[in-house]
Structure formats: C-alpha cells, structure tokens
C-alpha cells in the first residue's frame, strides 16, 4: 500500500498516448477496472497525476483514480497491486 497525493492543476497536460489512462495501461502492463484507492470500487476512471506522500520522492506518477478521488486534496492510500507509471514523457512515450 502506498500513500499518495494528487497533483492538482494538471488536466491541461497531455501525451501522445491519447489519454493518461491509456498511458498508464501501456506502461504498467495492467488493466484498470476500478479506482486505485484501496477501498473504492468506482469505475469512472482517469489517469491521475500523483506524487507519493514521501518527501524523498518528488517524481510525478500516473495511476488510475475515479473522478472524485482525482479531485481529492488529502492523502490517499492505494491498493498494493497498482503500478506507478512515470508521468515524465521523456522517460516513456517521447523516448
């Protein structure tokens, strides 16, 4: 389980994968069936820009979250199985 926080104000960011959710699927090798928040089963998913709630890791990641958790301003806990995909396009889809 990881603790994460949303990076708000990133909705204008885009990548050539078509959507951030597709970006996450392509680079995680996983399929998003529901929100990554540990107790949520909502299926209205977006590829959310998040940071781990760890001061030692300032990297930006993409994970699937439902619309309401994507708007959350607090710290969330994710399921252990979710893979964090880099939001840095130079490391992924613009290599």
PDB file of N, CA and C in Angstrom:
ATOM      1  N   UNK A   1       0.845  -1.176   0.000  1.00  0.00           N
ATOM      2  CA  UNK A   1       0.000   0.000   0.000  1.00  0.00           C
ATOM      3  C   UNK A   1       0.891   1.240   0.000  1.00  0.00           C
ATOM      4  N   UNK A   2       0.539   2.182  -0.842  1.00  0.00           N
ATOM      5  CA  UNK A   2       1.297   3.429  -0.905  1.00  0.00           C
ATOM      6  C   UNK A   2       0.389   4.589  -0.545  1.00  0.00           C
ATOM      7  N   UNK A   3       0.961   5.582   0.072  1.00  0.00           N
ATOM      8  CA  UNK A   3       0.227   6.818   0.348  1.00  0.00           C
ATOM      9  C   UNK A   3       0.585   7.810  -0.742  1.00  0.00           C
ATOM     10  N   UNK A   4      -0.444   8.420  -1.313  1.00  0.00           N
ATOM     11  CA  UNK A   4      -0.241   9.339  -2.430  1.00  0.00           C
ATOM     12  C   UNK A   4      -1.036  10.624  -2.223  1.00  0.00           C
ATOM     13  N   UNK A   5      -0.660  11.629  -2.987  1.00  0.00           N
ATOM     14  CA  UNK A   5      -1.449  12.864  -3.025  1.00  0.00           C
ATOM     15  C   UNK A   5      -1.548  13.302  -4.477  1.00  0.00           C
ATOM     16  N   UNK A   6      -2.676  13.898  -4.807  1.00  0.00           N
ATOM     17  CA  UNK A   6      -2.904  14.383  -6.161  1.00  0.00           C
ATOM     18  C   UNK A   6      -2.049  15.597  -6.454  1.00  0.00           C
ATOM     19  N   UNK A   7      -1.711  15.747  -7.720  1.00  0.00           N
ATOM     20  CA  UNK A   7      -1.096  16.976  -8.194  1.00  0.00           C
ATOM     21  C   UNK A   7      -2.205  17.702  -8.931  1.00  0.00           C
ATOM     22  N   UNK A   8      -2.757  18.724  -8.330  1.00  0.00           N
ATOM     23  CA  UNK A   8      -3.887  19.424  -8.918  1.00  0.00           C
ATOM     24  C   UNK A   8      -3.417  20.426  -9.972  1.00  0.00           C
ATOM     25  N   UNK A   9      -4.290  20.693 -10.943  1.00  0.00           N
ATOM     26  CA  UNK A   9      -3.975  21.655 -11.995  1.00  0.00           C
ATOM     27  C   UNK A   9      -3.214  21.061 -13.160  1.00  0.00           C
ATOM     28  N   UNK A  10      -3.292  19.733 -13.350  1.00  0.00           N
ATOM     29  CA  UNK A  10      -2.547  19.084 -14.433  1.00  0.00           C
ATOM     30  C   UNK A  10      -3.447  18.639 -15.579  1.00  0.00           C
ATOM     31  N   UNK A  11      -4.722  19.013 -15.553  1.00  0.00           N
ATOM     32  CA  UNK A  11      -5.655  18.500 -16.557  1.00  0.00           C
ATOM     33  C   UNK A  11      -5.314  18.974 -17.971  1.00  0.00           C
ATOM     34  N   UNK A  12      -4.565  20.055 -18.110  1.00  0.00           N
ATOM     35  CA  UNK A  12      -4.178  20.524 -19.444  1.00  0.00           C
ATOM     36  C   UNK A  12      -2.990  19.763 -20.009  1.00  0.00           C
ATOM     37  N   UNK A  13      -2.280  19.025 -19.162  1.00  0.00           N
ATOM     38  CA  UNK A  13      -1.148  18.233 -19.642  1.00  0.00           C
ATOM     39  C   UNK A  13      -1.678  17.086 -20.498  1.00  0.00           C
ATOM     40  N   UNK A  14      -0.985  16.782 -21.586  1.00  0.00           N
ATOM     41  CA  UNK A  14      -1.401  15.646 -22.402  1.00  0.00           C
ATOM     42  C   UNK A  14      -0.184  14.901 -22.902  1.00  0.00           C
ATOM     43  N   UNK A  15      -0.432  13.744 -23.475  1.00  0.00           N
ATOM     44  CA  UNK A  15       0.645  12.967 -24.064  1.00  0.00           C
ATOM     45  C   UNK A  15       0.111  12.289 -25.315  1.00  0.00           C
ATOM     46  N   UNK A  16       1.011  11.741 -26.093  1.00  0.00           N
ATOM     47  CA  UNK A  16       0.589  11.189 -27.376  1.00  0.00           C
ATOM     48  C   UNK A  16      -0.038   9.797 -27.276  1.00  0.00           C
ATOM     49  N   UNK A  17      -0.245   9.303 -26.083  1.00  0.00           N
ATOM     50  CA  UNK A  17      -0.908   8.008 -25.898  1.00  0.00           C
ATOM     51  C   UNK A  17      -2.421   8.115 -26.094  1.00  0.00           C
ATOM     52  N   UNK A  18      -2.946   9.323 -26.163  1.00  0.00           N
ATOM     53  CA  UNK A  18      -4.389   9.529 -26.321  1.00  0.00           C
ATOM     54  C   UNK A  18      -5.052   9.966 -25.041  1.00  0.00           C
ATOM     55  N   UNK A  19      -4.628   9.404 -23.917  1.00  0.00           N
ATOM     56  CA  UNK A  19      -5.102   9.831 -22.594  1.00  0.00           C
ATOM     57  C   UNK A  19      -4.085   9.336 -21.579  1.00  0.00           C
ATOM     58  N   UNK A  20      -4.134   9.946 -20.407  1.00  0.00           N
ATOM     59  CA  UNK A  20      -3.206   9.497 -19.360  1.00  0.00           C
ATOM     60  C   UNK A  20      -3.587   8.105 -18.865  1.00  0.00           C
ATOM     61  N   UNK A  21      -4.863   7.734 -18.959  1.00  0.00           N
ATOM     62  CA  UNK A  21      -5.262   6.390 -18.565  1.00  0.00           C
ATOM     63  C   UNK A  21      -4.678   5.359 -19.535  1.00  0.00           C
ATOM     64  N   UNK A  22      -4.707   5.675 -20.836  1.00  0.00           N
ATOM     65  CA  UNK A  22      -4.083   4.783 -21.826  1.00  0.00           C
ATOM     66  C   UNK A  22      -2.570   4.726 -21.607  1.00  0.00           C
ATOM     67  N   UNK A  23      -1.962   5.857 -21.275  1.00  0.00           N
ATOM     68  CA  UNK A  23      -0.529   5.931 -20.968  1.00  0.00           C
ATOM     69  C   UNK A  23      -0.203   4.969 -19.825  1.00  0.00           C
ATOM     70  N   UNK A  24      -1.008   5.026 -18.764  1.00  0.00           N
ATOM     71  CA  UNK A  24      -0.782   4.146 -17.621  1.00  0.00           C
ATOM     72  C   UNK A  24      -0.892   2.681 -18.038  1.00  0.00           C
ATOM     73  N   UNK A  25      -1.927   2.340 -18.809  1.00  0.00           N
ATOM     74  CA  UNK A  25      -2.114   0.958 -19.237  1.00  0.00           C
ATOM     75  C   UNK A  25      -0.966   0.447 -20.088  1.00  0.00           C
ATOM     76  N   UNK A  26      -0.490   1.306 -20.986  1.00  0.00           N
ATOM     77  CA  UNK A  26       0.593   0.919 -21.886  1.00  0.00           C
ATOM     78  C   UNK A  26       1.884   0.631 -21.123  1.00  0.00           C
ATOM     79  N   UNK A  27       2.211   1.465 -20.152  1.00  0.00           N
ATOM     80  CA  UNK A  27       3.489   1.328 -19.458  1.00  0.00           C
ATOM     81  C   UNK A  27       3.425   0.516 -18.171  1.00  0.00           C
ATOM     82  N   UNK A  28       2.227   0.249 -17.653  1.00  0.00           N
ATOM     83  CA  UNK A  28       2.117  -0.586 -16.449  1.00  0.00           C
ATOM     84  C   UNK A  28       1.929  -2.048 -16.814  1.00  0.00           C
ATOM     85  N   UNK A  29       1.364  -2.293 -18.004  1.00  0.00           N
ATOM     86  CA  UNK A  29       1.015  -3.655 -18.369  1.00  0.00           C
ATOM     87  C   UNK A  29      -0.212  -4.160 -17.631  1.00  0.00           C
ATOM     88  N   UNK A  30      -0.902  -3.269 -16.933  1.00  0.00           N
ATOM     89  CA  UNK A  30      -2.092  -3.638 -16.175  1.00  0.00           C
ATOM     90  C   UNK A  30      -3.334  -3.087 -16.868  1.00  0.00           C
ATOM     91  N   UNK A  31      -4.484  -3.605 -16.463  1.00  0.00           N
ATOM     92  CA  UNK A  31      -5.765  -3.104 -16.938  1.00  0.00           C
ATOM     93  C   UNK A  31      -6.476  -2.465 -15.761  1.00  0.00           C
ATOM     94  N   UNK A  32      -6.995  -1.272 -15.972  1.00  0.00           N
ATOM     95  CA  UNK A  32      -7.697  -0.577 -14.901  1.00  0.00           C
ATOM     96  C   UNK A  32      -9.172  -0.966 -14.925  1.00  0.00           C
ATOM     97  N   UNK A  33      -9.628  -1.619 -13.872  1.00  0.00           N
ATOM     98  CA  UNK A  33     -11.039  -1.983 -13.754  1.00  0.00           C
ATOM     99  C   UNK A  33     -11.779  -1.091 -12.776  1.00  0.00           C
ATOM    100  N   UNK A  34     -11.063  -0.549 -11.802  1.00  0.00           N
ATOM    101  CA  UNK A  34     -11.659   0.338 -10.821  1.00  0.00           C
ATOM    102  C   UNK A  34     -10.585   1.232 -10.233  1.00  0.00           C
ATOM    103  N   UNK A  35     -11.023   2.172  -9.429  1.00  0.00           N
ATOM    104  CA  UNK A  35     -10.155   3.159  -8.798  1.00  0.00           C
ATOM    105  C   UNK A  35      -9.035   2.480  -7.996  1.00  0.00           C
ATOM    106  N   UNK A  36      -7.854   3.104  -7.979  1.00  0.00           N
ATOM    107  CA  UNK A  36      -6.711   2.549  -7.243  1.00  0.00           C
ATOM    108  C   UNK A  36      -6.747   2.834  -5.748  1.00  0.00           C
ATOM    109  N   UNK A  37      -7.660   3.697  -5.301  1.00  0.00           N
ATOM    110  CA  UNK A  37      -7.775   3.968  -3.870  1.00  0.00           C
ATOM    111  C   UNK A  37      -8.226   2.666  -3.199  1.00  0.00           C
ATOM    112  N   UNK A  38      -7.618   2.331  -2.076  1.00  0.00           N
ATOM    113  CA  UNK A  38      -7.739   0.983  -1.504  1.00  0.00           C
ATOM    114  C   UNK A  38      -9.155   0.506  -1.218  1.00  0.00           C
ATOM    115  N   UNK A  39     -10.090   1.400  -0.950  1.00  0.00           N
ATOM    116  CA  UNK A  39     -11.440   0.939  -0.611  1.00  0.00           C
ATOM    117  C   UNK A  39     -12.501   1.382  -1.618  1.00  0.00           C
ATOM    118  N   UNK A  40     -12.075   1.872  -2.783  1.00  0.00           N
ATOM    119  CA  UNK A  40     -13.017   2.408  -3.766  1.00  0.00           C
ATOM    120  C   UNK A  40     -13.240   1.398  -4.901  1.00  0.00           C
ATOM    121  N   UNK A  41     -14.499   1.277  -5.340  1.00  0.00           N
ATOM    122  CA  UNK A  41     -14.793   0.393  -6.473  1.00  0.00           C
ATOM    123  C   UNK A  41     -15.412   1.166  -7.637  1.00  0.00           C
ATOM    124  N   UNK A  42     -15.279   2.493  -7.615  1.00  0.00           N
ATOM    125  CA  UNK A  42     -15.806   3.299  -8.719  1.00  0.00           C
ATOM    126  C   UNK A  42     -15.059   2.995 -10.006  1.00  0.00           C
ATOM    127  N   UNK A  43     -15.786   3.129 -11.119  1.00  0.00           N
ATOM    128  CA  UNK A  43     -15.218   2.766 -12.421  1.00  0.00           C
ATOM    129  C   UNK A  43     -15.123   3.937 -13.394  1.00  0.00           C
ATOM    130  N   UNK A  44     -15.431   5.160 -12.944  1.00  0.00           N
ATOM    131  CA  UNK A  44     -15.314   6.338 -13.821  1.00  0.00           C
ATOM    132  C   UNK A  44     -13.873   6.853 -13.739  1.00  0.00           C
ATOM    133  N   UNK A  45     -12.985   6.168 -14.459  1.00  0.00           N
ATOM    134  CA  UNK A  45     -11.552   6.337 -14.254  1.00  0.00           C
ATOM    135  C   UNK A  45     -10.899   7.388 -15.147  1.00  0.00           C
ATOM    136  N   UNK A  46      -9.880   7.997 -14.581  1.00  0.00           N
ATOM    137  CA  UNK A  46      -8.980   8.891 -15.305  1.00  0.00           C
ATOM    138  C   UNK A  46      -7.554   8.502 -14.922  1.00  0.00           C
ATOM    139  N   UNK A  47      -6.618   8.867 -15.761  1.00  0.00           N
ATOM    140  CA  UNK A  47      -5.211   8.700 -15.420  1.00  0.00           C
ATOM    141  C   UNK A  47      -4.799   9.903 -14.590  1.00  0.00           C
ATOM    142  N   UNK A  48      -4.642   9.708 -13.298  1.00  0.00           N
ATOM    143  CA  UNK A  48      -4.400  10.815 -12.366  1.00  0.00           C
ATOM    144  C   UNK A  48      -2.911  11.065 -12.172  1.00  0.00           C
ATOM    145  N   UNK A  49      -2.541  12.340 -12.146  1.00  0.00           N
ATOM    146  CA  UNK A  49      -1.177  12.734 -11.797  1.00  0.00           C
ATOM    147  C   UNK A  49      -1.064  12.756 -10.275  1.00  0.00           C
ATOM    148  N   UNK A  50      -0.142  11.969  -9.743  1.00  0.00           N
ATOM    149  CA  UNK A  50       0.021  11.886  -8.294  1.00  0.00           C
ATOM    150  C   UNK A  50       1.504  11.925  -7.926  1.00  0.00           C
ATOM    151  N   UNK A  51       1.736  12.211  -6.665  1.00  0.00           N
ATOM    152  CA  UNK A  51       3.060  12.057  -6.077  1.00  0.00           C
ATOM    153  C   UNK A  51       2.909  11.136  -4.885  1.00  0.00           C
ATOM    154  N   UNK A  52       3.959  10.375  -4.601  1.00  0.00           N
ATOM    155  CA  UNK A  52       3.940   9.570  -3.389  1.00  0.00           C
ATOM    156  C   UNK A  52       4.063  10.530  -2.216  1.00  0.00           C
ATOM    157  N   UNK A  53       3.351  10.251  -1.140  1.00  0.00           N
ATOM    158  CA  UNK A  53       3.373  11.123   0.040  1.00  0.00           C
ATOM    159  C   UNK A  53       4.631  10.827   0.853  1.00  0.00           C
ATOM    160  N   UNK A  54       5.757  10.895   0.188  1.00  0.00           N
ATOM    161  CA  UNK A  54       7.057  10.589   0.770  1.00  0.00           C
ATOM    162  C   UNK A  54       7.976  11.727   0.349  1.00  0.00           C
ATOM    163  N   UNK A  55       8.489  12.459   1.286  1.00  0.00           N
ATOM    164  CA  UNK A  55       9.293  13.643   0.943  1.00  0.00           C
ATOM    165  C   UNK A  55      10.559  13.302   0.167  1.00  0.00           C
ATOM    166  N   UNK A  56      10.954  12.042   0.151  1.00  0.00           N
ATOM    167  CA  UNK A  56      12.165  11.652  -0.571  1.00  0.00           C
ATOM    168  C   UNK A  56      11.914  11.390  -2.051  1.00  0.00           C
ATOM    169  N   UNK A  57      10.670  11.300  -2.480  1.00  0.00           N
ATOM    170  CA  UNK A  57      10.341  11.005  -3.878  1.00  0.00           C
ATOM    171  C   UNK A  57       9.409  12.095  -4.394  1.00  0.00           C
ATOM    172  N   UNK A  58       9.970  13.025  -5.163  1.00  0.00           N
ATOM    173  CA  UNK A  58       9.182  14.135  -5.691  1.00  0.00           C
ATOM    174  C   UNK A  58       8.722  13.876  -7.129  1.00  0.00           C
ATOM    175  N   UNK A  59       8.940  12.681  -7.639  1.00  0.00           N
ATOM    176  CA  UNK A  59       8.557  12.347  -9.009  1.00  0.00           C
ATOM    177  C   UNK A  59       7.044  12.381  -9.172  1.00  0.00           C
ATOM    178  N   UNK A  60       6.599  12.627 -10.409  1.00  0.00           N
ATOM    179  CA  UNK A  60       5.186  12.596 -10.752  1.00  0.00           C
ATOM    180  C   UNK A  60       4.881  11.242 -11.374  1.00  0.00           C
ATOM    181  N   UNK A  61       3.750  10.668 -10.994  1.00  0.00           N
ATOM    182  CA  UNK A  61       3.326   9.363 -11.496  1.00  0.00           C
ATOM    183  C   UNK A  61       1.890   9.447 -12.005  1.00  0.00           C
ATOM    184  N   UNK A  62       1.537   8.440 -12.820  1.00  0.00           N
ATOM    185  CA  UNK A  62       0.166   8.270 -13.282  1.00  0.00           C
ATOM    186  C   UNK A  62      -0.363   6.977 -12.679  1.00  0.00           C
ATOM    187  N   UNK A  63      -1.556   7.047 -12.103  1.00  0.00           N
ATOM    188  CA  UNK A  63      -2.283   5.855 -11.666  1.00  0.00           C
ATOM    189  C   UNK A  63      -3.758   6.095 -11.974  1.00  0.00           C
ATOM    190  N   UNK A  64      -4.544   5.030 -12.121  1.00  0.00           N
ATOM    191  CA  UNK A  64      -5.983   5.226 -12.349  1.00  0.00           C
ATOM    192  C   UNK A  64      -6.709   5.563 -11.055  1.00  0.00           C
ATOM    193  N   UNK A  65      -7.443   6.661 -11.096  1.00  0.00           N
ATOM    194  CA  UNK A  65      -8.308   7.045  -9.980  1.00  0.00           C
ATOM    195  C   UNK A  65      -9.675   7.400 -10.539  1.00  0.00           C
ATOM    196  N   UNK A  66     -10.707   7.262  -9.712  1.00  0.00           N
ATOM    197  CA  UNK A  66     -12.035   7.706 -10.123  1.00  0.00           C
ATOM    198  C   UNK A  66     -12.066   9.233 -10.101  1.00  0.00           C
ATOM    199  N   UNK A  67     -13.073   9.796 -10.725  1.00  0.00           N
ATOM    200  CA  UNK A  67     -13.160  11.261 -10.810  1.00  0.00           C
ATOM    201  C   UNK A  67     -13.145  11.923  -9.444  1.00  0.00           C
ATOM    202  N   UNK A  68     -13.855  11.359  -8.470  1.00  0.00           N
ATOM    203  CA  UNK A  68     -13.901  12.022  -7.161  1.00  0.00           C
ATOM    204  C   UNK A  68     -12.558  11.924  -6.437  1.00  0.00           C
ATOM    205  N   UNK A  69     -11.874  10.779  -6.495  1.00  0.00           N
ATOM    206  CA  UNK A  69     -10.562  10.686  -5.846  1.00  0.00           C
ATOM    207  C   UNK A  69      -9.519  11.509  -6.595  1.00  0.00           C
ATOM    208  N   UNK A  70      -9.714  11.711  -7.886  1.00  0.00           N
ATOM    209  CA  UNK A  70      -8.787  12.547  -8.646  1.00  0.00           C
ATOM    210  C   UNK A  70      -8.874  14.011  -8.200  1.00  0.00           C
ATOM    211  N   UNK A  71      -9.996  14.388  -7.607  1.00  0.00           N
ATOM    212  CA  UNK A  71     -10.174  15.771  -7.130  1.00  0.00           C
ATOM    213  C   UNK A  71      -9.795  15.918  -5.659  1.00  0.00           C
ATOM    214  N   UNK A  72      -9.457  14.816  -5.018  1.00  0.00           N
ATOM    215  CA  UNK A  72      -9.131  14.842  -3.593  1.00  0.00           C
ATOM    216  C   UNK A  72      -7.876  15.671  -3.327  1.00  0.00           C
ATOM    217  N   UNK A  73      -7.893  16.388  -2.210  1.00  0.00           N
ATOM    218  CA  UNK A  73      -6.720  17.187  -1.841  1.00  0.00           C
ATOM    219  C   UNK A  73      -5.956  16.568  -0.674  1.00  0.00           C
ATOM    220  N   UNK A  74      -6.482  15.506  -0.102  1.00  0.00           N
ATOM    221  CA  UNK A  74      -5.816  14.865   1.025  1.00  0.00           C
ATOM    222  C   UNK A  74      -4.922  13.716   0.584  1.00  0.00           C
ATOM    223  N   UNK A  75      -4.368  13.022   1.553  1.00  0.00           N
ATOM    224  CA  UNK A  75      -3.531  11.849   1.287  1.00  0.00           C
ATOM    225  C   UNK A  75      -4.441  10.636   1.124  1.00  0.00           C
ATOM    226  N   UNK A  76      -4.206   9.860   0.072  1.00  0.00           N
ATOM    227  CA  UNK A  76      -4.978   8.645  -0.205  1.00  0.00           C
ATOM    228  C   UNK A  76      -4.067   7.432  -0.070  1.00  0.00           C
ATOM    229  N   UNK A  77      -4.663   6.284   0.195  1.00  0.00           N
ATOM    230  CA  UNK A  77      -3.910   5.035   0.213  1.00  0.00           C
ATOM    231  C   UNK A  77      -4.340   4.189  -0.974  1.00  0.00           C
ATOM    232  N   UNK A  78      -3.365   3.635  -1.680  1.00  0.00           N
ATOM    233  CA  UNK A  78      -3.656   2.831  -2.867  1.00  0.00           C
ATOM    234  C   UNK A  78      -3.590   1.342  -2.546  1.00  0.00           C
ATOM    235  N   UNK A  79      -4.163   0.556  -3.449  1.00  0.00           N
ATOM    236  CA  UNK A  79      -4.022  -0.895  -3.362  1.00  0.00           C
ATOM    237  C   UNK A  79      -2.560  -1.247  -3.639  1.00  0.00           C
ATOM    238  N   UNK A  80      -2.101  -2.331  -3.055  1.00  0.00           N
ATOM    239  CA  UNK A  80      -0.701  -2.722  -3.242  1.00  0.00           C
ATOM    240  C   UNK A  80      -0.386  -3.119  -4.678  1.00  0.00           C
ATOM    241  N   UNK A  81      -1.372  -3.601  -5.402  1.00  0.00           N
ATOM    242  CA  UNK A  81      -1.113  -4.146  -6.735  1.00  0.00           C
ATOM    243  C   UNK A  81      -0.941  -3.084  -7.819  1.00  0.00           C
ATOM    244  N   UNK A  82      -1.298  -1.837  -7.547  1.00  0.00           N
ATOM    245  CA  UNK A  82      -1.243  -0.820  -8.592  1.00  0.00           C
ATOM    246  C   UNK A  82       0.213  -0.434  -8.889  1.00  0.00           C
ATOM    247  N   UNK A  83       0.524  -0.377 -10.184  1.00  0.00           N
ATOM    248  CA  UNK A  83       1.865   0.038 -10.600  1.00  0.00           C
ATOM    249  C   UNK A  83       1.865   1.537 -10.857  1.00  0.00           C
ATOM    250  N   UNK A  84       2.910   2.189 -10.408  1.00  0.00           N
ATOM    251  CA  UNK A  84       3.084   3.612 -10.641  1.00  0.00           C
ATOM    252  C   UNK A  84       3.872   3.795 -11.927  1.00  0.00           C
ATOM    253  N   UNK A  85       3.315   4.577 -12.852  1.00  0.00           N
ATOM    254  CA  UNK A  85       3.965   4.825 -14.143  1.00  0.00           C
ATOM    255  C   UNK A  85       4.445   6.275 -14.158  1.00  0.00           C
ATOM    256  N   UNK A  86       5.649   6.480 -14.634  1.00  0.00           N
ATOM    257  CA  UNK A  86       6.200   7.832 -14.682  1.00  0.00           C
ATOM    258  C   UNK A  86       5.354   8.742 -15.563  1.00  0.00           C
ATOM    259  N   UNK A  87       5.098   9.951 -15.076  1.00  0.00           N
ATOM    260  CA  UNK A  87       4.404  10.969 -15.873  1.00  0.00           C
ATOM    261  C   UNK A  87       5.393  11.758 -16.722  1.00  0.00           C
ATOM    262  N   UNK A  88       6.683  11.440 -16.601  1.00  0.00           N
ATOM    263  CA  UNK A  88       7.712  12.121 -17.382  1.00  0.00           C
ATOM    264  C   UNK A  88       7.721  11.523 -18.791  1.00  0.00           C
ATOM    265  N   UNK A  89       7.199  12.274 -19.745  1.00  0.00           N
ATOM    266  CA  UNK A  89       7.062  11.771 -21.123  1.00  0.00           C
ATOM    267  C   UNK A  89       8.423  11.463 -21.744  1.00  0.00           C
ATOM    268  N   UNK A  90       9.463  12.112 -21.298  1.00  0.00           N
ATOM    269  CA  UNK A  90      10.813  11.844 -21.838  1.00  0.00           C
ATOM    270  C   UNK A  90      11.308  10.461 -21.424  1.00  0.00           C
ATOM    271  N   UNK A  91      10.716   9.892 -20.357  1.00  0.00           N
ATOM    272  CA  UNK A  91      11.089   8.554 -19.918  1.00  0.00           C
ATOM    273  C   UNK A  91      10.165   7.484 -20.500  1.00  0.00           C
ATOM    274  N   UNK A  92       9.057   7.908 -21.126  1.00  0.00           N
ATOM    275  CA  UNK A  92       8.063   6.944 -21.583  1.00  0.00           C
ATOM    276  C   UNK A  92       7.712   7.186 -23.042  1.00  0.00           C
ATOM    277  N   UNK A  93       6.612   7.861 -23.330  1.00  0.00           N
ATOM    278  CA  UNK A  93       6.079   7.919 -24.692  1.00  0.00           C
ATOM    279  C   UNK A  93       6.788   8.900 -25.628  1.00  0.00           C
ATOM    280  N   UNK A  94       7.742   9.671 -25.135  1.00  0.00           N
ATOM    281  CA  UNK A  94       8.502  10.554 -26.026  1.00  0.00           C
ATOM    282  C   UNK A  94       9.975  10.201 -26.032  1.00  0.00           C
ATOM    283  N   UNK A  95      10.275   8.946 -25.708  1.00  0.00           N
ATOM    284  CA  UNK A  95      11.662   8.471 -25.693  1.00  0.00           C
ATOM    285  C   UNK A  95      12.239   8.448 -27.075  1.00  0.00           C
TER     286      UNK A  95
END
